[in-house]
């Protein structure tokens, strides 16, 4: 797979994005093994932009690793500073599974609530309230955060 060619401006943007990243994969004294390539490929698929740390002291060998990774994995070489290599490859689009949509809960619910006036003889006001998934509607017609189920103590459960 040939490496991706980027313009200077695109490489500059990716360098700025990679600045705060920590190395995801570290290449030890054994060098670039098949398992390391698989890990780098998985990291590129998951993150898109990654840093790789090489623990060898030979600069020529690091440069060769950098170019071979870019060629073999179809990635764009972004930056090589010291023992850090930065690679980028666009993330593949995620395939939606049919079961994901079935397991999802419904979105916000709308409720009509009657608000009674404190003065006698006036009609109650009808208000439509939107209740999100982490909220509940109180008997007084107010929207509150949902109560979490009480956690049971593991220690107390063992004593009985």
Protein backbone atom coordinates (compact mmCIF):
# COMPACT_ATOMS: atom_id res chain seq x y z
CA UNK A 1 0.00 0.00 0.00
CA UNK A 2 1.61 3.33 -0.98
CA UNK A 3 1.90 6.06 1.60
CA UNK A 4 -0.51 9.00 1.55
CA UNK A 5 0.91 12.21 0.13
CA UNK A 6 -0.10 15.38 1.99
CA UNK A 7 0.49 19.04 1.28
CA UNK A 8 2.66 21.11 3.58
CA UNK A 9 -0.42 22.83 5.05
CA UNK A 10 -2.16 19.51 5.79
CA UNK A 11 0.97 18.14 7.45
CA UNK A 12 1.24 21.32 9.51
CA UNK A 13 -2.34 20.91 10.78
CA UNK A 14 -1.73 17.26 11.74
CA UNK A 15 1.52 18.19 13.50
CA UNK A 16 -0.39 20.72 15.60
CA UNK A 17 -3.06 18.12 16.46
CA UNK A 18 -0.39 15.57 17.44
CA UNK A 19 1.47 17.96 19.73
CA UNK A 20 -0.48 17.05 22.87
CA UNK A 21 -0.70 13.30 22.13
CA UNK A 22 1.25 10.68 24.04
CA UNK A 23 2.95 7.78 22.25
CA UNK A 24 0.49 4.94 21.67
CA UNK A 25 2.97 2.28 20.52
CA UNK A 26 6.57 1.79 21.62
CA UNK A 27 9.12 -0.07 19.52
CA UNK A 28 11.71 -1.84 21.68
CA UNK A 29 15.14 -3.26 20.98
CA UNK A 30 13.71 -6.07 18.83
CA UNK A 31 12.78 -3.51 16.21
CA UNK A 32 9.79 -3.54 13.93
CA UNK A 33 8.19 -6.98 14.39
CA UNK A 34 4.92 -8.23 12.91
CA UNK A 35 3.12 -7.78 16.23
CA UNK A 36 4.28 -4.17 16.46
CA UNK A 37 3.02 -3.54 12.91
CA UNK A 38 -0.36 -5.01 13.85
CA UNK A 39 -0.58 -2.78 16.91
CA UNK A 40 0.32 0.32 14.90
CA UNK A 41 -2.27 -0.64 12.26
CA UNK A 42 -4.94 -1.10 14.95
CA UNK A 43 -4.01 2.22 16.58
CA UNK A 44 -4.22 4.02 13.23
CA UNK A 45 -7.64 2.50 12.59
CA UNK A 46 -8.87 3.52 16.03
CA UNK A 47 -7.30 6.98 16.38
CA UNK A 48 -6.21 8.12 12.93
CA UNK A 49 -3.29 10.19 14.25
CA UNK A 50 -0.73 8.47 16.48
CA UNK A 51 2.73 8.87 17.95
CA UNK A 52 5.18 5.98 18.04
CA UNK A 53 8.26 5.96 20.29
CA UNK A 54 11.36 4.07 19.11
CA UNK A 55 13.81 3.04 21.83
CA UNK A 56 16.76 2.47 19.50
CA UNK A 57 19.65 4.92 19.20
CA UNK A 58 20.35 4.43 15.47
CA UNK A 59 18.86 7.38 13.56
CA UNK A 60 19.19 5.72 10.14
CA UNK A 61 17.30 2.67 11.40
CA UNK A 62 14.55 4.90 12.86
CA UNK A 63 14.20 6.71 9.53
CA UNK A 64 13.94 3.37 7.70
CA UNK A 65 11.24 2.20 10.17
CA UNK A 66 9.37 5.46 9.67
CA UNK A 67 9.30 5.12 5.89
CA UNK A 68 8.50 1.40 5.91
CA UNK A 69 5.58 1.94 8.32
CA UNK A 70 4.17 4.67 6.11
CA UNK A 71 4.51 2.49 2.99
CA UNK A 72 3.25 -0.78 4.49
CA UNK A 73 0.27 0.64 6.39
CA UNK A 74 -0.81 3.23 3.83
CA UNK A 75 -0.26 6.10 6.24
CA UNK A 76 1.10 9.59 5.81
CA UNK A 77 4.41 10.39 7.54
CA UNK A 78 3.74 13.58 9.48
CA UNK A 79 6.81 14.16 11.64
CA UNK A 80 10.01 12.51 12.86
CA UNK A 81 11.61 14.25 15.82
CA UNK A 82 14.24 12.37 17.76
CA UNK A 83 12.76 9.06 18.83
CA UNK A 84 9.13 10.06 18.11
CA UNK A 85 7.37 9.20 14.87
CA UNK A 86 3.99 10.71 14.00
CA UNK A 87 1.77 8.90 11.49
CA UNK A 88 -1.70 9.72 10.14
CA UNK A 89 -4.27 7.74 8.23
CA UNK A 90 -7.94 8.68 7.82
CA UNK A 91 -10.22 6.66 10.08
CA UNK A 92 -12.39 4.12 8.27
CA UNK A 93 -16.13 4.79 8.56
CA UNK A 94 -17.83 2.71 11.22
CA UNK A 95 -20.34 0.16 10.01
CA UNK A 96 -23.65 0.45 11.84
CA UNK A 97 -25.00 -2.80 13.17
CA UNK A 98 -28.74 -3.36 13.01
CA UNK A 99 -28.80 -4.39 16.67
CA UNK A 100 -27.43 -0.99 17.78
CA UNK A 101 -30.62 0.80 16.74
CA UNK A 102 -32.89 -1.76 18.39
CA UNK A 103 -31.15 -1.51 21.78
CA UNK A 104 -31.32 2.26 21.98
CA UNK A 105 -33.81 3.92 24.25
CA UNK A 106 -36.15 6.63 22.90
CA UNK A 107 -35.05 10.23 22.93
CA UNK A 108 -36.61 13.11 24.86
CA UNK A 109 -40.25 12.69 25.85
CA UNK A 110 -42.83 15.46 25.84
CA UNK A 111 -45.48 15.67 28.57
CA UNK A 112 -48.44 18.01 28.92
CA UNK A 113 -48.79 19.28 32.47
CA UNK A 114 -51.62 21.31 34.00
CA UNK A 115 -50.38 24.24 36.09
CA UNK A 116 -53.12 25.45 38.43
CA UNK A 117 -53.28 29.08 39.40
CA UNK A 118 -53.24 30.15 43.07
CA UNK A 119 -56.22 32.37 42.43
CA UNK A 120 -59.57 30.65 42.38
CA UNK A 121 -61.69 30.71 39.27
CA UNK A 122 -58.87 30.84 36.70
CA UNK A 123 -58.32 28.11 34.18
CA UNK A 124 -55.30 25.86 34.61
CA UNK A 125 -52.47 26.55 32.21
CA UNK A 126 -51.36 23.69 29.92
CA UNK A 127 -47.57 23.50 29.58
CA UNK A 128 -45.57 21.09 27.46
CA UNK A 129 -42.42 19.89 29.20
CA UNK A 130 -39.55 18.00 27.61
CA UNK A 131 -38.08 15.26 29.78
CA UNK A 132 -34.68 13.86 28.82
CA UNK A 133 -33.46 10.34 29.47
CA UNK A 134 -31.74 11.20 32.76
CA UNK A 135 -34.68 13.21 34.11
CA UNK A 136 -38.06 12.49 35.68
CA UNK A 137 -41.29 14.37 36.17
CA UNK A 138 -42.35 14.98 39.78
CA UNK A 139 -46.02 14.88 40.89
CA UNK A 140 -45.85 18.68 41.21
CA UNK A 141 -45.03 19.00 37.50
CA UNK A 142 -41.35 19.83 37.86
CA UNK A 143 -38.50 18.22 35.93
CA UNK A 144 -35.86 16.68 38.18
CA UNK A 145 -32.79 14.55 37.68
CA UNK A 146 -33.57 10.84 37.83
CA UNK A 147 -32.84 9.09 41.09
CA UNK A 148 -30.11 6.51 40.84
CA UNK A 149 -30.86 3.12 42.38
CA UNK A 150 -29.40 2.77 45.85
CA UNK A 151 -26.12 0.94 45.91
CA UNK A 152 -26.08 -2.05 48.20
CA UNK A 153 -23.03 -2.65 50.31
CA UNK A 154 -21.06 -5.75 49.41
CA UNK A 155 -19.86 -6.15 53.00
CA UNK A 156 -23.38 -6.06 54.44
CA UNK A 157 -24.52 -8.64 51.91
CA UNK A 158 -21.80 -11.07 53.04
CA UNK A 159 -22.59 -10.79 56.77
CA UNK A 160 -26.09 -12.26 56.54
